Amino acid sequence: MGKFVAVAFAALLIAIGGVWTFQGLGYLKGSSMTGSTMWATIGPIVMAFGVALIYVAYRGPKKR
């Protein structure tokens, strides 16, 4: 169950990071975040955390 929750949260991070990136770059209109370079920078960082979480979730515990 823990792996499922981690992957679901990671997918949410990736989706939110993608929205923030596209809003920061000006592709998604209608927000105060549109055209802001701060969100164009924060978005990919959040997406990277999501990808890293998926990697850690699927790697699993190390066996000795």
PDB file of N, CA and C in Angstrom:
ATOM      1  N   MET A   1       0.817  -1.189   0.000  1.00  0.00           N
ATOM      2  CA  MET A   1       0.000   0.000   0.000  1.00  0.00           C
ATOM      3  C   MET A   1       0.865   1.260   0.000  1.00  0.00           C
ATOM      4  N   GLY A   2       2.007   1.224   0.658  1.00  0.00           N
ATOM      5  CA  GLY A   2       2.884   2.384   0.733  1.00  0.00           C
ATOM      6  C   GLY A   2       3.420   2.798  -0.620  1.00  0.00           C
ATOM      7  N   LYS A   3       3.728   1.810  -1.463  1.00  0.00           N
ATOM      8  CA  LYS A   3       4.245   2.114  -2.789  1.00  0.00           C
ATOM      9  C   LYS A   3       3.182   2.816  -3.634  1.00  0.00           C
ATOM     10  N   PHE A   4       1.932   2.370  -3.510  1.00  0.00           N
ATOM     11  CA  PHE A   4       0.838   2.986  -4.262  1.00  0.00           C
ATOM     12  C   PHE A   4       0.650   4.449  -3.852  1.00  0.00           C
ATOM     13  N   VAL A   5       0.689   4.721  -2.563  1.00  0.00           N
ATOM     14  CA  VAL A   5       0.517   6.092  -2.070  1.00  0.00           C
ATOM     15  C   VAL A   5       1.670   6.970  -2.543  1.00  0.00           C
ATOM     16  N   ALA A   6       2.885   6.452  -2.497  1.00  0.00           N
ATOM     17  CA  ALA A   6       4.046   7.217  -2.936  1.00  0.00           C
ATOM     18  C   ALA A   6       3.965   7.545  -4.423  1.00  0.00           C
ATOM     19  N   VAL A   7       3.570   6.575  -5.225  1.00  0.00           N
ATOM     20  CA  VAL A   7       3.466   6.803  -6.667  1.00  0.00           C
ATOM     21  C   VAL A   7       2.324   7.771  -6.981  1.00  0.00           C
ATOM     22  N   ALA A   8       1.213   7.668  -6.259  1.00  0.00           N
ATOM     23  CA  ALA A   8       0.092   8.588  -6.471  1.00  0.00           C
ATOM     24  C   ALA A   8       0.499  10.015  -6.103  1.00  0.00           C
ATOM     25  N   PHE A   9       1.199  10.170  -4.994  1.00  0.00           N
ATOM     26  CA  PHE A   9       1.666  11.499  -4.595  1.00  0.00           C
ATOM     27  C   PHE A   9       2.685  12.034  -5.591  1.00  0.00           C
ATOM     28  N   ALA A  10       3.559  11.165  -6.094  1.00  0.00           N
ATOM     29  CA  ALA A  10       4.550  11.578  -7.085  1.00  0.00           C
ATOM     30  C   ALA A  10       3.873  12.021  -8.377  1.00  0.00           C
ATOM     31  N   ALA A  11       2.840  11.313  -8.793  1.00  0.00           N
ATOM     32  CA  ALA A  11       2.114  11.714  -9.997  1.00  0.00           C
ATOM     33  C   ALA A  11       1.458  13.077  -9.804  1.00  0.00           C
ATOM     34  N   LEU A  12       0.946  13.321  -8.602  1.00  0.00           N
ATOM     35  CA  LEU A  12       0.355  14.621  -8.297  1.00  0.00           C
ATOM     36  C   LEU A  12       1.420  15.722  -8.349  1.00  0.00           C
ATOM     37  N   LEU A  13       2.599  15.459  -7.803  1.00  0.00           N
ATOM     38  CA  LEU A  13       3.693  16.426  -7.865  1.00  0.00           C
ATOM     39  C   LEU A  13       4.093  16.727  -9.301  1.00  0.00           C
ATOM     40  N   ILE A  14       4.164  15.694 -10.136  1.00  0.00           N
ATOM     41  CA  ILE A  14       4.545  15.885 -11.532  1.00  0.00           C
ATOM     42  C   ILE A  14       3.498  16.711 -12.269  1.00  0.00           C
ATOM     43  N   ALA A  15       2.222  16.429 -12.011  1.00  0.00           N
ATOM     44  CA  ALA A  15       1.151  17.182 -12.674  1.00  0.00           C
ATOM     45  C   ALA A  15       1.145  18.643 -12.229  1.00  0.00           C
ATOM     46  N   ILE A  16       1.266  18.888 -10.933  1.00  0.00           N
ATOM     47  CA  ILE A  16       1.281  20.259 -10.430  1.00  0.00           C
ATOM     48  C   ILE A  16       2.509  21.007 -10.951  1.00  0.00           C
ATOM     49  N   GLY A  17       3.643  20.344 -10.944  1.00  0.00           N
ATOM     50  CA  GLY A  17       4.856  20.968 -11.477  1.00  0.00           C
ATOM     51  C   GLY A  17       4.735  21.304 -12.949  1.00  0.00           C
ATOM     52  N   GLY A  18       4.065  20.442 -13.695  1.00  0.00           N
ATOM     53  CA  GLY A  18       3.850  20.728 -15.120  1.00  0.00           C
ATOM     54  C   GLY A  18       2.953  21.935 -15.330  1.00  0.00           C
ATOM     55  N   VAL A  19       1.890  22.026 -14.552  1.00  0.00           N
ATOM     56  CA  VAL A  19       0.991  23.185 -14.655  1.00  0.00           C
ATOM     57  C   VAL A  19       1.744  24.455 -14.290  1.00  0.00           C
ATOM     58  N   TRP A  20       2.509  24.421 -13.209  1.00  0.00           N
ATOM     59  CA  TRP A  20       3.263  25.610 -12.803  1.00  0.00           C
ATOM     60  C   TRP A  20       4.278  26.008 -13.864  1.00  0.00           C
ATOM     61  N   THR A  21       4.924  25.022 -14.479  1.00  0.00           N
ATOM     62  CA  THR A  21       5.895  25.324 -15.525  1.00  0.00           C
ATOM     63  C   THR A  21       5.231  26.002 -16.715  1.00  0.00           C
ATOM     64  N   PHE A  22       4.128  25.422 -17.182  1.00  0.00           N
ATOM     65  CA  PHE A  22       3.455  26.000 -18.344  1.00  0.00           C
ATOM     66  C   PHE A  22       2.835  27.352 -18.040  1.00  0.00           C
ATOM     67  N   GLN A  23       2.372  27.565 -16.806  1.00  0.00           N
ATOM     68  CA  GLN A  23       1.876  28.891 -16.444  1.00  0.00           C
ATOM     69  C   GLN A  23       3.024  29.887 -16.375  1.00  0.00           C
ATOM     70  N   GLY A  24       4.134  29.478 -15.819  1.00  0.00           N
ATOM     71  CA  GLY A  24       5.294  30.371 -15.739  1.00  0.00           C
ATOM     72  C   GLY A  24       5.842  30.744 -17.101  1.00  0.00           C
ATOM     73  N   LEU A  25       5.757  29.816 -18.035  1.00  0.00           N
ATOM     74  CA  LEU A  25       6.230  30.096 -19.395  1.00  0.00           C
ATOM     75  C   LEU A  25       5.201  30.859 -20.221  1.00  0.00           C
ATOM     76  N   GLY A  26       3.984  30.999 -19.709  1.00  0.00           N
ATOM     77  CA  GLY A  26       2.961  31.767 -20.390  1.00  0.00           C
ATOM     78  C   GLY A  26       2.068  30.967 -21.317  1.00  0.00           C
ATOM     79  N   TYR A  27       2.161  29.635 -21.297  1.00  0.00           N
ATOM     80  CA  TYR A  27       1.337  28.804 -22.174  1.00  0.00           C
ATOM     81  C   TYR A  27      -0.078  28.610 -21.617  1.00  0.00           C
ATOM     82  N   LEU A  28      -0.227  28.622 -20.293  1.00  0.00           N
ATOM     83  CA  LEU A  28      -1.537  28.542 -19.654  1.00  0.00           C
ATOM     84  C   LEU A  28      -1.871  29.919 -19.097  1.00  0.00           C
ATOM     85  N   LYS A  29      -2.947  30.488 -19.576  1.00  0.00           N
ATOM     86  CA  LYS A  29      -3.320  31.851 -19.192  1.00  0.00           C
ATOM     87  C   LYS A  29      -4.344  31.832 -18.058  1.00  0.00           C
ATOM     88  N   GLY A  30      -4.591  33.008 -17.489  1.00  0.00           N
ATOM     89  CA  GLY A  30      -5.665  33.168 -16.526  1.00  0.00           C
ATOM     90  C   GLY A  30      -5.257  33.089 -15.080  1.00  0.00           C
ATOM     91  N   SER A  31      -4.020  33.376 -14.769  1.00  0.00           N
ATOM     92  CA  SER A  31      -3.558  33.293 -13.397  1.00  0.00           C
ATOM     93  C   SER A  31      -2.519  34.380 -13.170  1.00  0.00           C
ATOM     94  N   SER A  32      -2.316  34.719 -11.906  1.00  0.00           N
ATOM     95  CA  SER A  32      -1.252  35.676 -11.599  1.00  0.00           C
ATOM     96  C   SER A  32       0.129  35.040 -11.791  1.00  0.00           C
ATOM     97  N   MET A  33       0.153  33.712 -11.926  1.00  0.00           N
ATOM     98  CA  MET A  33       1.411  33.002 -12.147  1.00  0.00           C
ATOM     99  C   MET A  33       1.836  33.037 -13.610  1.00  0.00           C
ATOM    100  N   THR A  34       0.938  33.454 -14.495  1.00  0.00           N
ATOM    101  CA  THR A  34       1.215  33.443 -15.927  1.00  0.00           C
ATOM    102  C   THR A  34       2.341  34.416 -16.251  1.00  0.00           C
ATOM    103  N   GLY A  35       3.345  33.915 -16.925  1.00  0.00           N
ATOM    104  CA  GLY A  35       4.466  34.732 -17.366  1.00  0.00           C
ATOM    105  C   GLY A  35       5.500  35.022 -16.288  1.00  0.00           C
ATOM    106  N   SER A  36       5.397  34.390 -15.128  1.00  0.00           N
ATOM    107  CA  SER A  36       6.340  34.623 -14.041  1.00  0.00           C
ATOM    108  C   SER A  36       7.481  33.614 -14.121  1.00  0.00           C
ATOM    109  N   THR A  37       8.698  34.133 -14.182  1.00  0.00           N
ATOM    110  CA  THR A  37       9.848  33.230 -14.279  1.00  0.00           C
ATOM    111  C   THR A  37      10.054  32.420 -13.005  1.00  0.00           C
ATOM    112  N   MET A  38       9.538  32.931 -11.864  1.00  0.00           N
ATOM    113  CA  MET A  38       9.671  32.174 -10.619  1.00  0.00           C
ATOM    114  C   MET A  38       8.959  30.829 -10.751  1.00  0.00           C
ATOM    115  N   TRP A  39       7.746  30.821 -11.305  1.00  0.00           N
ATOM    116  CA  TRP A  39       6.993  29.571 -11.442  1.00  0.00           C
ATOM    117  C   TRP A  39       7.544  28.710 -12.561  1.00  0.00           C
ATOM    118  N   ALA A  40       8.165  29.334 -13.551  1.00  0.00           N
ATOM    119  CA  ALA A  40       8.824  28.559 -14.604  1.00  0.00           C
ATOM    120  C   ALA A  40      10.054  27.840 -14.062  1.00  0.00           C
ATOM    121  N   THR A  41      10.570  28.282 -12.937  1.00  0.00           N
ATOM    122  CA  THR A  41      11.711  27.635 -12.290  1.00  0.00           C
ATOM    123  C   THR A  41      11.264  26.625 -11.237  1.00  0.00           C
ATOM    124  N   ILE A  42      10.255  26.992 -10.448  1.00  0.00           N
ATOM    125  CA  ILE A  42       9.775  26.108  -9.379  1.00  0.00           C
ATOM    126  C   ILE A  42       9.114  24.855  -9.953  1.00  0.00           C
ATOM    127  N   GLY A  43       8.395  24.990 -11.061  1.00  0.00           N
ATOM    128  CA  GLY A  43       7.692  23.861 -11.668  1.00  0.00           C
ATOM    129  C   GLY A  43       8.574  22.664 -11.973  1.00  0.00           C
ATOM    130  N   PRO A  44       9.664  22.852 -12.711  1.00  0.00           N
ATOM    131  CA  PRO A  44      10.535  21.702 -12.988  1.00  0.00           C
ATOM    132  C   PRO A  44      11.181  21.105 -11.742  1.00  0.00           C
ATOM    133  N   ILE A  45      11.428  21.938 -10.726  1.00  0.00           N
ATOM    134  CA  ILE A  45      11.997  21.416  -9.479  1.00  0.00           C
ATOM    135  C   ILE A  45      10.997  20.484  -8.801  1.00  0.00           C
ATOM    136  N   VAL A  46       9.722  20.889  -8.770  1.00  0.00           N
ATOM    137  CA  VAL A  46       8.679  20.041  -8.172  1.00  0.00           C
ATOM    138  C   VAL A  46       8.525  18.758  -8.984  1.00  0.00           C
ATOM    139  N   MET A  47       8.591  18.874 -10.313  1.00  0.00           N
ATOM    140  CA  MET A  47       8.502  17.677 -11.162  1.00  0.00           C
ATOM    141  C   MET A  47       9.664  16.729 -10.897  1.00  0.00           C
ATOM    142  N   ALA A  48      10.853  17.277 -10.677  1.00  0.00           N
ATOM    143  CA  ALA A  48      12.021  16.437 -10.400  1.00  0.00           C
ATOM    144  C   ALA A  48      11.850  15.683  -9.079  1.00  0.00           C
ATOM    145  N   PHE A  49      11.262  16.339  -8.072  1.00  0.00           N
ATOM    146  CA  PHE A  49      10.976  15.643  -6.822  1.00  0.00           C
ATOM    147  C   PHE A  49       9.991  14.496  -7.047  1.00  0.00           C
ATOM    148  N   GLY A  50       9.010  14.707  -7.910  1.00  0.00           N
ATOM    149  CA  GLY A  50       8.053  13.648  -8.223  1.00  0.00           C
ATOM    150  C   GLY A  50       8.720  12.461  -8.892  1.00  0.00           C
ATOM    151  N   VAL A  51       9.587  12.738  -9.847  1.00  0.00           N
ATOM    152  CA  VAL A  51      10.309  11.656 -10.543  1.00  0.00           C
ATOM    153  C   VAL A  51      11.217  10.914  -9.562  1.00  0.00           C
ATOM    154  N   ALA A  52      11.889  11.653  -8.694  1.00  0.00           N
ATOM    155  CA  ALA A  52      12.765  11.019  -7.701  1.00  0.00           C
ATOM    156  C   ALA A  52      11.968  10.147  -6.736  1.00  0.00           C
ATOM    157  N   LEU A  53      10.773  10.591  -6.370  1.00  0.00           N
ATOM    158  CA  LEU A  53       9.929   9.802  -5.472  1.00  0.00           C
ATOM    159  C   LEU A  53       9.495   8.497  -6.131  1.00  0.00           C
ATOM    160  N   ILE A  54       9.173   8.546  -7.404  1.00  0.00           N
ATOM    161  CA  ILE A  54       8.820   7.309  -8.128  1.00  0.00           C
ATOM    162  C   ILE A  54      10.014   6.362  -8.157  1.00  0.00           C
ATOM    163  N   TYR A  55      11.196   6.911  -8.418  1.00  0.00           N
ATOM    164  CA  TYR A  55      12.396   6.084  -8.449  1.00  0.00           C
ATOM    165  C   TYR A  55      12.623   5.398  -7.102  1.00  0.00           C
ATOM    166  N   VAL A  56      12.506   6.163  -6.030  1.00  0.00           N
ATOM    167  CA  VAL A  56      12.722   5.599  -4.687  1.00  0.00           C
ATOM    168  C   VAL A  56      11.643   4.574  -4.350  1.00  0.00           C
ATOM    169  N   ALA A  57      10.405   4.837  -4.752  1.00  0.00           N
ATOM    170  CA  ALA A  57       9.309   3.915  -4.443  1.00  0.00           C
ATOM    171  C   ALA A  57       9.495   2.576  -5.154  1.00  0.00           C
ATOM    172  N   TYR A  58       9.957   2.595  -6.388  1.00  0.00           N
ATOM    173  CA  TYR A  58      10.118   1.343  -7.125  1.00  0.00           C
ATOM    174  C   TYR A  58      11.437   0.647  -6.858  1.00  0.00           C
ATOM    175  N   ARG A  59      12.401   1.382  -6.353  1.00  0.00           N
ATOM    176  CA  ARG A  59      13.686   0.754  -6.042  1.00  0.00           C
ATOM    177  C   ARG A  59      13.534  -0.210  -4.884  1.00  0.00           C
ATOM    178  N   GLY A  60      12.718   0.172  -3.918  1.00  0.00           N
ATOM    179  CA  GLY A  60      12.455  -0.707  -2.781  1.00  0.00           C
ATOM    180  C   GLY A  60      13.627  -0.822  -1.841  1.00  0.00           C
ATOM    181  N   PRO A  61      13.451  -1.584  -0.791  1.00  0.00           N
ATOM    182  CA  PRO A  61      14.545  -1.732   0.177  1.00  0.00           C
ATOM    183  C   PRO A  61      15.680  -2.577  -0.417  1.00  0.00           C
ATOM    184  N   LYS A  62      16.881  -2.249  -0.016  1.00  0.00           N
ATOM    185  CA  LYS A  62      18.043  -3.000  -0.478  1.00  0.00           C
ATOM    186  C   LYS A  62      18.121  -4.319   0.268  1.00  0.00           C
ATOM    187  N   LYS A  63      18.445  -5.370  -0.463  1.00  0.00           N
ATOM    188  CA  LYS A  63      18.595  -6.690   0.166  1.00  0.00           C
ATOM    189  C   LYS A  63      20.078  -6.923   0.444  1.00  0.00           C
ATOM    190  N   ARG A  64      20.330  -7.510   1.587  1.00  0.00           N
ATOM    191  CA  ARG A  64      21.722  -7.777   1.957  1.00  0.00           C
ATOM    192  C   ARG A  64      22.151  -9.131   1.522  1.00  0.00           C
TER     193      ARG A  64
END
